[in-house]
Amino acid sequence: MGFCFFNNVAVAARHALDVRGLKRVAVVDFDVHHGNGTEDILAGDDRV
C-alpha cells in the first residue's frame, strides 16, 4: 500500500537482529506520513 511493496527498513532491521546478532536497534521515521507498515511489523518487538 501507499506506493510500497516490501518494507525495506523493517527487513534490514530484522536482518541486523536475527542474522547479525544485534540486541537492540532503533528505527527512526521522519516521513510526513506515518510509517504504519513498519509499526505493524515491529510493534511489540522489544529489541526495536
All heavy atoms as atom14 arrays in JSON, in Angstrom:
{
  "sequence": "MGFCFFNNVAVAARHALDVRGLKRVAVVDFDVHHGNGTEDILAGDDRV",
  "atom14_mask": [
    [1, 1, 1, 1, 1, 1, 1, 1, 0, 0, 0, 0, 0, 0],
    [1, 1, 1, 1, 0, 0, 0, 0, 0, 0, 0, 0, 0, 0],
    [1, 1, 1, 1, 1, 1, 1, 1, 1, 1, 1, 0, 0, 0],
    [1, 1, 1, 1, 1, 1, 0, 0, 0, 0, 0, 0, 0, 0],
    [1, 1, 1, 1, 1, 1, 1, 1, 1, 1, 1, 0, 0, 0],
    [1, 1, 1, 1, 1, 1, 1, 1, 1, 1, 1, 0, 0, 0],
    [1, 1, 1, 1, 1, 1, 1, 1, 0, 0, 0, 0, 0, 0],
    [1, 1, 1, 1, 1, 1, 1, 1, 0, 0, 0, 0, 0, 0],
    [1, 1, 1, 1, 1, 1, 1, 0, 0, 0, 0, 0, 0, 0],
    [1, 1, 1, 1, 1, 0, 0, 0, 0, 0, 0, 0, 0, 0],
    [1, 1, 1, 1, 1, 1, 1, 0, 0, 0, 0, 0, 0, 0],
    [1, 1, 1, 1, 1, 0, 0, 0, 0, 0, 0, 0, 0, 0],
    [1, 1, 1, 1, 1, 0, 0, 0, 0, 0, 0, 0, 0, 0],
    [1, 1, 1, 1, 1, 1, 1, 1, 1, 1, 1, 0, 0, 0],
    [1, 1, 1, 1, 1, 1, 1, 1, 1, 1, 0, 0, 0, 0],
    [1, 1, 1, 1, 1, 0, 0, 0, 0, 0, 0, 0, 0, 0],
    [1, 1, 1, 1, 1, 1, 1, 1, 0, 0, 0, 0, 0, 0],
    [1, 1, 1, 1, 1, 1, 1, 1, 0, 0, 0, 0, 0, 0],
    [1, 1, 1, 1, 1, 1, 1, 0, 0, 0, 0, 0, 0, 0],
    [1, 1, 1, 1, 1, 1, 1, 1, 1, 1, 1, 0, 0, 0],
    [1, 1, 1, 1, 0, 0, 0, 0, 0, 0, 0, 0, 0, 0],
    [1, 1, 1, 1, 1, 1, 1, 1, 0, 0, 0, 0, 0, 0],
    [1, 1, 1, 1, 1, 1, 1, 1, 1, 0, 0, 0, 0, 0],
    [1, 1, 1, 1, 1, 1, 1, 1, 1, 1, 1, 0, 0, 0],
    [1, 1, 1, 1, 1, 1, 1, 0, 0, 0, 0, 0, 0, 0],
    [1, 1, 1, 1, 1, 0, 0, 0, 0, 0, 0, 0, 0, 0],
    [1, 1, 1, 1, 1, 1, 1, 0, 0, 0, 0, 0, 0, 0],
    [1, 1, 1, 1, 1, 1, 1, 0, 0, 0, 0, 0, 0, 0],
    [1, 1, 1, 1, 1, 1, 1, 1, 0, 0, 0, 0, 0, 0],
    [1, 1, 1, 1, 1, 1, 1, 1, 1, 1, 1, 0, 0, 0],
    [1, 1, 1, 1, 1, 1, 1, 1, 0, 0, 0, 0, 0, 0],
    [1, 1, 1, 1, 1, 1, 1, 0, 0, 0, 0, 0, 0, 0],
    [1, 1, 1, 1, 1, 1, 1, 1, 1, 1, 0, 0, 0, 0],
    [1, 1, 1, 1, 1, 1, 1, 1, 1, 1, 0, 0, 0, 0],
    [1, 1, 1, 1, 0, 0, 0, 0, 0, 0, 0, 0, 0, 0],
    [1, 1, 1, 1, 1, 1, 1, 1, 0, 0, 0, 0, 0, 0],
    [1, 1, 1, 1, 0, 0, 0, 0, 0, 0, 0, 0, 0, 0],
    [1, 1, 1, 1, 1, 1, 1, 0, 0, 0, 0, 0, 0, 0],
    [1, 1, 1, 1, 1, 1, 1, 1, 1, 0, 0, 0, 0, 0],
    [1, 1, 1, 1, 1, 1, 1, 1, 0, 0, 0, 0, 0, 0],
    [1, 1, 1, 1, 1, 1, 1, 1, 0, 0, 0, 0, 0, 0],
    [1, 1, 1, 1, 1, 1, 1, 1, 0, 0, 0, 0, 0, 0],
    [1, 1, 1, 1, 1, 0, 0, 0, 0, 0, 0, 0, 0, 0],
    [1, 1, 1, 1, 0, 0, 0, 0, 0, 0, 0, 0, 0, 0],
    [1, 1, 1, 1, 1, 1, 1, 1, 0, 0, 0, 0, 0, 0],
    [1, 1, 1, 1, 1, 1, 1, 1, 0, 0, 0, 0, 0, 0],
    [1, 1, 1, 1, 1, 1, 1, 1, 1, 1, 1, 0, 0, 0],
    [1, 1, 1, 1, 1, 1, 1, 0, 0, 0, 0, 0, 0, 0]
  ],
  "atom14_positions": [
    [[0.84, -1.19, 0.0], [0.0, 0.0, 0.0], [0.88, 1.25, 0.0], [2.08, 1.15, 0.27], [-0.93, 0.03, 1.22], [-0.22, 0.03, 2.56], [-1.34, 0.01, 3.99], [-2.08, 1.63, 3.88], [0.0, 0.0, 0.0], [0.0, 0.0, 0.0], [0.0, 0.0, 0.0], [0.0, 0.0, 0.0], [0.0, 0.0, 0.0], [0.0, 0.0, 0.0]],
    [[0.29, 2.38, -0.33], [1.0, 3.65, -0.23], [2.3, 3.71, -0.99], [3.3, 4.23, -0.48], [0.0, 0.0, 0.0], [0.0, 0.0, 0.0], [0.0, 0.0, 0.0], [0.0, 0.0, 0.0], [0.0, 0.0, 0.0], [0.0, 0.0, 0.0], [0.0, 0.0, 0.0], [0.0, 0.0, 0.0], [0.0, 0.0, 0.0], [0.0, 0.0, 0.0]],
    [[2.32, 3.19, -2.22], [3.49, 3.15, -3.11], [4.49, 2.07, -2.73], [5.54, 1.95, -3.38], [4.25, 4.49, -3.16], [3.44, 5.75, -3.29], [4.01, 6.98, -2.97], [2.13, 5.74, -3.75], [3.29, 8.16, -3.1], [1.4, 6.91, -3.89], [1.98, 8.13, -3.55], [0.0, 0.0, 0.0], [0.0, 0.0, 0.0], [0.0, 0.0, 0.0]],
    [[4.23, 1.27, -1.67], [5.22, 0.37, -1.08], [4.84, -1.1, -1.29], [3.66, -1.46, -1.18], [5.36, 0.64, 0.42], [5.77, 2.35, 0.83], [0.0, 0.0, 0.0], [0.0, 0.0, 0.0], [0.0, 0.0, 0.0], [0.0, 0.0, 0.0], [0.0, 0.0, 0.0], [0.0, 0.0, 0.0], [0.0, 0.0, 0.0], [0.0, 0.0, 0.0]],
    [[5.84, -1.94, -1.52], [5.62, -3.38, -1.73], [6.27, -4.22, -0.64], [5.63, -5.09, -0.06], [6.14, -3.79, -3.12], [5.38, -3.15, -4.24], [5.72, -1.88, -4.7], [4.3, -3.79, -4.83], [5.01, -1.27, -5.72], [3.57, -3.18, -5.84], [3.93, -1.91, -6.29], [0.0, 0.0, 0.0], [0.0, 0.0, 0.0], [0.0, 0.0, 0.0]],
    [[7.56, -3.98, -0.37], [8.24, -4.61, 0.75], [8.74, -3.51, 1.69], [9.11, -2.42, 1.25], [9.42, -5.47, 0.3], [9.02, -6.67, -0.52], [9.57, -6.89, -1.77], [8.09, -7.58, -0.03], [9.21, -8.0, -2.53], [7.72, -8.69, -0.78], [8.27, -8.9, -2.03], [0.0, 0.0, 0.0], [0.0, 0.0, 0.0], [0.0, 0.0, 0.0]],
    [[8.77, -3.81, 2.98], [9.18, -2.82, 3.96], [10.7, -2.88, 4.13], [11.23, -3.66, 4.93], [8.47, -3.05, 5.29], [8.55, -1.84, 6.18], [9.63, -1.36, 6.48], [7.4, -1.34, 6.61], [0.0, 0.0, 0.0], [0.0, 0.0, 0.0], [0.0, 0.0, 0.0], [0.0, 0.0, 0.0], [0.0, 0.0, 0.0], [0.0, 0.0, 0.0]],
    [[11.39, -2.06, 3.36], [12.84, -2.14, 3.26], [13.53, -2.01, 4.61], [14.43, -2.79, 4.95], [13.34, -1.07, 2.29], [12.62, -1.1, 0.96], [12.31, -2.16, 0.45], [12.33, 0.07, 0.41], [0.0, 0.0, 0.0], [0.0, 0.0, 0.0], [0.0, 0.0, 0.0], [0.0, 0.0, 0.0], [0.0, 0.0, 0.0], [0.0, 0.0, 0.0]],
    [[13.13, -1.02, 5.4], [13.78, -0.79, 6.69], [13.48, -1.91, 7.68], [14.37, -2.35, 8.41], [13.36, 0.59, 7.25], [13.63, 0.68, 8.74], [14.11, 1.69, 6.52], [0.0, 0.0, 0.0], [0.0, 0.0, 0.0], [0.0, 0.0, 0.0], [0.0, 0.0, 0.0], [0.0, 0.0, 0.0], [0.0, 0.0, 0.0], [0.0, 0.0, 0.0]],
    [[12.24, -2.39, 7.7], [11.91, -3.49, 8.62], [12.68, -4.76, 8.25], [13.14, -5.49, 9.13], [10.41, -3.75, 8.61], [0.0, 0.0, 0.0], [0.0, 0.0, 0.0], [0.0, 0.0, 0.0], [0.0, 0.0, 0.0], [0.0, 0.0, 0.0], [0.0, 0.0, 0.0], [0.0, 0.0, 0.0], [0.0, 0.0, 0.0], [0.0, 0.0, 0.0]],
    [[12.81, -5.04, 6.95], [13.6, -6.18, 6.51], [15.04, -6.06, 7.0], [15.63, -7.02, 7.53], [13.54, -6.3, 4.96], [14.59, -7.29, 4.45], [12.15, -6.73, 4.5], [0.0, 0.0, 0.0], [0.0, 0.0, 0.0], [0.0, 0.0, 0.0], [0.0, 0.0, 0.0], [0.0, 0.0, 0.0], [0.0, 0.0, 0.0], [0.0, 0.0, 0.0]],
    [[15.61, -4.87, 6.87], [17.0, -4.66, 7.28], [17.17, -4.74, 8.79], [18.14, -5.32, 9.3], [17.49, -3.31, 6.77], [0.0, 0.0, 0.0], [0.0, 0.0, 0.0], [0.0, 0.0, 0.0], [0.0, 0.0, 0.0], [0.0, 0.0, 0.0], [0.0, 0.0, 0.0], [0.0, 0.0, 0.0], [0.0, 0.0, 0.0], [0.0, 0.0, 0.0]],
    [[16.22, -4.16, 9.52], [16.32, -4.19, 11.0], [16.26, -5.62, 11.51], [17.04, -6.01, 12.4], [15.19, -3.36, 11.6], [0.0, 0.0, 0.0], [0.0, 0.0, 0.0], [0.0, 0.0, 0.0], [0.0, 0.0, 0.0], [0.0, 0.0, 0.0], [0.0, 0.0, 0.0], [0.0, 0.0, 0.0], [0.0, 0.0, 0.0], [0.0, 0.0, 0.0]],
    [[15.38, -6.42, 10.95], [15.29, -7.82, 11.38], [16.53, -8.6, 10.96], [16.96, -9.52, 11.67], [14.01, -8.44, 10.82], [12.75, -8.0, 11.57], [12.56, -8.84, 12.83], [11.48, -8.37, 13.69], [10.18, -8.54, 13.47], [9.77, -9.15, 12.37], [9.3, -8.1, 14.34], [0.0, 0.0, 0.0], [0.0, 0.0, 0.0], [0.0, 0.0, 0.0]],
    [[17.12, -8.26, 9.83], [18.37, -8.9, 9.42], [19.46, -8.61, 10.45], [20.22, -9.51, 10.84], [18.78, -8.39, 8.04], [20.11, -8.89, 7.57], [20.29, -10.16, 7.06], [21.33, -8.29, 7.54], [21.57, -10.33, 6.74], [22.22, -9.21, 7.01], [0.0, 0.0, 0.0], [0.0, 0.0, 0.0], [0.0, 0.0, 0.0], [0.0, 0.0, 0.0]],
    [[19.54, -7.35, 10.88], [20.55, -7.0, 11.88], [20.37, -7.77, 13.18], [21.33, -8.18, 13.82], [20.5, -5.49, 12.16], [0.0, 0.0, 0.0], [0.0, 0.0, 0.0], [0.0, 0.0, 0.0], [0.0, 0.0, 0.0], [0.0, 0.0, 0.0], [0.0, 0.0, 0.0], [0.0, 0.0, 0.0], [0.0, 0.0, 0.0], [0.0, 0.0, 0.0]],
    [[19.12, -7.98, 13.56], [18.81, -8.68, 14.81], [18.93, -10.19, 14.67], [19.6, -10.86, 15.46], [17.41, -8.31, 15.27], [17.19, -6.85, 15.68], [15.7, -6.53, 15.71], [17.83, -6.56, 17.02], [0.0, 0.0, 0.0], [0.0, 0.0, 0.0], [0.0, 0.0, 0.0], [0.0, 0.0, 0.0], [0.0, 0.0, 0.0], [0.0, 0.0, 0.0]],
    [[18.28, -10.75, 13.68], [18.13, -12.2, 13.57], [19.32, -12.89, 12.92], [19.57, -14.07, 13.21], [16.85, -12.54, 12.79], [15.59, -12.07, 13.48], [15.65, -11.78, 14.69], [14.54, -11.98, 12.81], [0.0, 0.0, 0.0], [0.0, 0.0, 0.0], [0.0, 0.0, 0.0], [0.0, 0.0, 0.0], [0.0, 0.0, 0.0], [0.0, 0.0, 0.0]],
    [[20.02, -12.18, 12.04], [21.14, -12.78, 11.33], [22.47, -12.3, 11.88], [23.38, -13.09, 12.14], [21.05, -12.49, 9.81], [22.27, -13.07, 9.08], [19.76, -13.06, 9.24], [0.0, 0.0, 0.0], [0.0, 0.0, 0.0], [0.0, 0.0, 0.0], [0.0, 0.0, 0.0], [0.0, 0.0, 0.0], [0.0, 0.0, 0.0], [0.0, 0.0, 0.0]],
    [[22.58, -11.0, 12.12], [23.85, -10.43, 12.54], [24.02, -10.35, 14.06], [25.06, -9.98, 14.54], [24.04, -9.05, 11.91], [24.07, -9.06, 10.38], [25.15, -9.99, 9.82], [26.46, -9.66, 10.32], [27.38, -8.95, 9.67], [27.11, -8.52, 8.45], [28.55, -8.68, 10.2], [0.0, 0.0, 0.0], [0.0, 0.0, 0.0], [0.0, 0.0, 0.0]],
    [[22.96, -10.67, 14.81], [23.1, -10.86, 16.24], [23.08, -9.61, 17.1], [23.44, -9.68, 18.28], [0.0, 0.0, 0.0], [0.0, 0.0, 0.0], [0.0, 0.0, 0.0], [0.0, 0.0, 0.0], [0.0, 0.0, 0.0], [0.0, 0.0, 0.0], [0.0, 0.0, 0.0], [0.0, 0.0, 0.0], [0.0, 0.0, 0.0], [0.0, 0.0, 0.0]],
    [[22.64, -8.47, 16.55], [22.5, -7.3, 17.41], [21.37, -7.51, 18.41], [20.43, -8.27, 18.16], [22.24, -6.04, 16.57], [23.35, -5.6, 15.61], [23.02, -4.22, 15.05], [24.72, -5.61, 16.26], [0.0, 0.0, 0.0], [0.0, 0.0, 0.0], [0.0, 0.0, 0.0], [0.0, 0.0, 0.0], [0.0, 0.0, 0.0], [0.0, 0.0, 0.0]],
    [[21.47, -6.82, 19.53], [20.47, -6.96, 20.59], [19.42, -5.86, 20.56], [18.27, -6.07, 20.98], [21.16, -6.95, 21.96], [22.23, -8.01, 22.12], [21.67, -9.42, 21.97], [22.77, -10.45, 22.23], [22.3, -11.84, 21.94], [0.0, 0.0, 0.0], [0.0, 0.0, 0.0], [0.0, 0.0, 0.0], [0.0, 0.0, 0.0], [0.0, 0.0, 0.0]],
    [[19.81, -4.68, 20.1], [18.9, -3.52, 20.12], [19.16, -2.66, 18.88], [20.32, -2.28, 18.63], [19.12, -2.64, 21.37], [18.84, -3.33, 22.69], [19.16, -2.39, 23.87], [20.49, -1.79, 23.76], [21.62, -2.42, 24.07], [21.59, -3.68, 24.5], [22.78, -1.78, 23.95], [0.0, 0.0, 0.0], [0.0, 0.0, 0.0], [0.0, 0.0, 0.0]],
    [[18.11, -2.36, 18.14], [18.22, -1.41, 17.02], [17.1, -0.39, 17.12], [16.01, -0.69, 17.63], [18.19, -2.11, 15.64], [19.29, -3.16, 15.54], [16.83, -2.73, 15.36], [0.0, 0.0, 0.0], [0.0, 0.0, 0.0], [0.0, 0.0, 0.0], [0.0, 0.0, 0.0], [0.0, 0.0, 0.0], [0.0, 0.0, 0.0], [0.0, 0.0, 0.0]],
    [[17.37, 0.81, 16.65], [16.36, 1.86, 16.59], [15.96, 2.09, 15.14], [16.8, 2.04, 14.23], [16.89, 3.16, 17.19], [0.0, 0.0, 0.0], [0.0, 0.0, 0.0], [0.0, 0.0, 0.0], [0.0, 0.0, 0.0], [0.0, 0.0, 0.0], [0.0, 0.0, 0.0], [0.0, 0.0, 0.0], [0.0, 0.0, 0.0], [0.0, 0.0, 0.0]],
    [[14.67, 2.34, 14.94], [14.14, 2.74, 13.64], [13.59, 4.15, 13.8], [12.78, 4.41, 14.69], [13.04, 1.79, 13.15], [12.39, 2.33, 11.88], [13.62, 0.39, 12.91], [0.0, 0.0, 0.0], [0.0, 0.0, 0.0], [0.0, 0.0, 0.0], [0.0, 0.0, 0.0], [0.0, 0.0, 0.0], [0.0, 0.0, 0.0], [0.0, 0.0, 0.0]],
    [[14.05, 5.05, 12.96], [13.64, 6.46, 13.0], [12.95, 6.8, 11.7], [13.47, 6.52, 10.62], [14.88, 7.37, 13.19], [14.45, 8.84, 13.18], [15.62, 7.02, 14.47], [0.0, 0.0, 0.0], [0.0, 0.0, 0.0], [0.0, 0.0, 0.0], [0.0, 0.0, 0.0], [0.0, 0.0, 0.0], [0.0, 0.0, 0.0], [0.0, 0.0, 0.0]],
    [[11.76, 7.39, 11.77], [10.97, 7.7, 10.58], [10.55, 9.16, 10.64], [9.77, 9.55, 11.51], [9.75, 6.78, 10.53], [9.0, 6.84, 9.2], [8.98, 7.92, 8.57], [8.41, 5.82, 8.8], [0.0, 0.0, 0.0], [0.0, 0.0, 0.0], [0.0, 0.0, 0.0], [0.0, 0.0, 0.0], [0.0, 0.0, 0.0], [0.0, 0.0, 0.0]],
    [[11.08, 9.99, 9.7], [10.67, 11.39, 9.67], [9.92, 11.75, 8.39], [9.81, 12.93, 8.02], [11.85, 12.34, 9.92], [13.08, 12.14, 9.05], [13.07, 12.47, 7.7], [14.26, 11.66, 9.6], [14.2, 12.33, 6.92], [15.4, 11.52, 8.83], [15.37, 11.85, 7.48], [0.0, 0.0, 0.0], [0.0, 0.0, 0.0], [0.0, 0.0, 0.0]],
    [[9.38, 10.75, 7.7], [8.5, 10.99, 6.57], [7.25, 11.76, 7.03], [6.84, 11.64, 8.19], [8.08, 9.65, 5.96], [7.42, 9.76, 4.61], [6.2, 10.05, 4.56], [8.11, 9.55, 3.6], [0.0, 0.0, 0.0], [0.0, 0.0, 0.0], [0.0, 0.0, 0.0], [0.0, 0.0, 0.0], [0.0, 0.0, 0.0], [0.0, 0.0, 0.0]],
    [[6.63, 12.53, 6.13], [5.43, 13.28, 6.52], [4.26, 12.35, 6.82], [3.33, 12.72, 7.55], [5.05, 14.3, 5.43], [4.35, 13.63, 4.25], [4.19, 15.43, 5.99], [0.0, 0.0, 0.0], [0.0, 0.0, 0.0], [0.0, 0.0, 0.0], [0.0, 0.0, 0.0], [0.0, 0.0, 0.0], [0.0, 0.0, 0.0], [0.0, 0.0, 0.0]],
    [[4.31, 11.12, 6.29], [3.25, 10.14, 6.52], [3.69, 9.14, 7.6], [4.85, 8.75, 7.65], [2.92, 9.38, 5.24], [2.55, 10.27, 4.09], [3.46, 10.65, 3.14], [1.36, 10.84, 3.76], [2.86, 11.44, 2.25], [1.59, 11.57, 2.61], [0.0, 0.0, 0.0], [0.0, 0.0, 0.0], [0.0, 0.0, 0.0], [0.0, 0.0, 0.0]],
    [[2.74, 8.71, 8.41], [3.03, 7.7, 9.43], [3.5, 6.4, 8.79], [2.88, 5.9, 7.85], [1.78, 7.45, 10.28], [1.93, 6.34, 11.26], [1.06, 5.28, 11.34], [2.89, 6.11, 12.2], [1.45, 4.46, 12.29], [2.56, 4.93, 12.82], [0.0, 0.0, 0.0], [0.0, 0.0, 0.0], [0.0, 0.0, 0.0], [0.0, 0.0, 0.0]],
    [[4.56, 5.83, 9.33], [5.08, 4.55, 8.84], [4.29, 3.39, 9.41], [4.8, 2.59, 10.21], [0.0, 0.0, 0.0], [0.0, 0.0, 0.0], [0.0, 0.0, 0.0], [0.0, 0.0, 0.0], [0.0, 0.0, 0.0], [0.0, 0.0, 0.0], [0.0, 0.0, 0.0], [0.0, 0.0, 0.0], [0.0, 0.0, 0.0], [0.0, 0.0, 0.0]],
    [[3.05, 3.28, 8.97], [2.14, 2.27, 9.53], [2.61, 0.85, 9.29], [2.41, -0.03, 10.12], [0.73, 2.45, 8.94], [0.71, 2.21, 7.44], [1.41, 2.91, 6.69], [-0.07, 1.25, 6.99], [0.0, 0.0, 0.0], [0.0, 0.0, 0.0], [0.0, 0.0, 0.0], [0.0, 0.0, 0.0], [0.0, 0.0, 0.0], [0.0, 0.0, 0.0]],
    [[3.24, 0.62, 8.14], [3.72, -0.72, 7.85], [4.85, -1.14, 8.78], [4.86, -2.26, 9.29], [0.0, 0.0, 0.0], [0.0, 0.0, 0.0], [0.0, 0.0, 0.0], [0.0, 0.0, 0.0], [0.0, 0.0, 0.0], [0.0, 0.0, 0.0], [0.0, 0.0, 0.0], [0.0, 0.0, 0.0], [0.0, 0.0, 0.0], [0.0, 0.0, 0.0]],
    [[5.79, -0.24, 9.0], [6.89, -0.53, 9.91], [6.37, -0.78, 11.31], [6.82, -1.71, 12.01], [7.89, 0.63, 9.9], [8.18, 1.01, 8.55], [9.19, 0.22, 10.58], [0.0, 0.0, 0.0], [0.0, 0.0, 0.0], [0.0, 0.0, 0.0], [0.0, 0.0, 0.0], [0.0, 0.0, 0.0], [0.0, 0.0, 0.0], [0.0, 0.0, 0.0]],
    [[5.42, 0.03, 11.75], [4.83, -0.18, 13.07], [4.11, -1.52, 13.14], [4.24, -2.26, 14.13], [3.86, 0.95, 13.41], [3.27, 0.81, 14.81], [2.42, 2.01, 15.21], [1.5, 2.36, 14.45], [2.67, 2.56, 16.28], [0.0, 0.0, 0.0], [0.0, 0.0, 0.0], [0.0, 0.0, 0.0], [0.0, 0.0, 0.0], [0.0, 0.0, 0.0]],
    [[3.37, -1.87, 12.09], [2.66, -3.15, 12.06], [3.63, -4.32, 12.23], [3.33, -5.28, 12.96], [1.91, -3.27, 10.73], [1.25, -4.62, 10.54], [0.24, -4.89, 11.23], [1.73, -5.43, 9.72], [0.0, 0.0, 0.0], [0.0, 0.0, 0.0], [0.0, 0.0, 0.0], [0.0, 0.0, 0.0], [0.0, 0.0, 0.0], [0.0, 0.0, 0.0]],
    [[4.78, -4.23, 11.6], [5.74, -5.34, 11.63], [6.52, -5.38, 12.94], [6.77, -6.46, 13.5], [6.71, -5.22, 10.43], [5.94, -5.45, 9.11], [7.87, -6.21, 10.55], [6.71, -5.02, 7.88], [0.0, 0.0, 0.0], [0.0, 0.0, 0.0], [0.0, 0.0, 0.0], [0.0, 0.0, 0.0], [0.0, 0.0, 0.0], [0.0, 0.0, 0.0]],
    [[6.89, -4.22, 13.47], [7.84, -4.17, 14.59], [7.21, -3.9, 15.95], [7.9, -4.03, 16.97], [8.9, -3.1, 14.3], [9.76, -3.33, 13.05], [10.73, -2.18, 12.85], [10.51, -4.66, 13.12], [0.0, 0.0, 0.0], [0.0, 0.0, 0.0], [0.0, 0.0, 0.0], [0.0, 0.0, 0.0], [0.0, 0.0, 0.0], [0.0, 0.0, 0.0]],
    [[5.94, -3.53, 16.0], [5.31, -3.26, 17.29], [5.37, -4.49, 18.18], [5.07, -5.61, 17.75], [3.86, -2.83, 17.1], [0.0, 0.0, 0.0], [0.0, 0.0, 0.0], [0.0, 0.0, 0.0], [0.0, 0.0, 0.0], [0.0, 0.0, 0.0], [0.0, 0.0, 0.0], [0.0, 0.0, 0.0], [0.0, 0.0, 0.0], [0.0, 0.0, 0.0]],
    [[5.79, -4.29, 19.42], [5.87, -5.38, 20.37], [7.2, -6.12, 20.37], [7.43, -6.96, 21.26], [0.0, 0.0, 0.0], [0.0, 0.0, 0.0], [0.0, 0.0, 0.0], [0.0, 0.0, 0.0], [0.0, 0.0, 0.0], [0.0, 0.0, 0.0], [0.0, 0.0, 0.0], [0.0, 0.0, 0.0], [0.0, 0.0, 0.0], [0.0, 0.0, 0.0]],
    [[8.07, -5.84, 19.42], [9.41, -6.45, 19.4], [10.31, -5.59, 20.28], [10.74, -4.51, 19.89], [9.93, -6.49, 17.97], [11.25, -7.25, 17.83], [11.97, -7.39, 18.84], [11.57, -7.71, 16.71], [0.0, 0.0, 0.0], [0.0, 0.0, 0.0], [0.0, 0.0, 0.0], [0.0, 0.0, 0.0], [0.0, 0.0, 0.0], [0.0, 0.0, 0.0]],
    [[10.61, -6.06, 21.49], [11.33, -5.22, 22.44], [12.81, -5.06, 22.1], [13.54, -4.35, 22.8], [11.15, -5.73, 23.87], [11.65, -7.15, 24.08], [12.33, -7.69, 23.18], [11.36, -7.73, 25.15], [0.0, 0.0, 0.0], [0.0, 0.0, 0.0], [0.0, 0.0, 0.0], [0.0, 0.0, 0.0], [0.0, 0.0, 0.0], [0.0, 0.0, 0.0]],
    [[13.25, -5.68, 21.03], [14.61, -5.45, 20.54], [14.68, -4.19, 19.68], [15.77, -3.76, 19.29], [15.08, -6.65, 19.71], [15.04, -7.99, 20.43], [15.32, -9.13, 19.46], [14.32, -9.18, 18.39], [14.42, -9.94, 17.29], [15.51, -10.7, 17.13], [13.47, -9.95, 16.38], [0.0, 0.0, 0.0], [0.0, 0.0, 0.0], [0.0, 0.0, 0.0]],
    [[13.52, -3.62, 19.37], [13.43, -2.47, 18.47], [12.76, -1.31, 19.19], [11.73, -1.49, 19.85], [12.62, -2.8, 17.2], [12.57, -1.61, 16.26], [13.19, -4.03, 16.49], [0.0, 0.0, 0.0], [0.0, 0.0, 0.0], [0.0, 0.0, 0.0], [0.0, 0.0, 0.0], [0.0, 0.0, 0.0], [0.0, 0.0, 0.0], [0.0, 0.0, 0.0]]
  ]
}
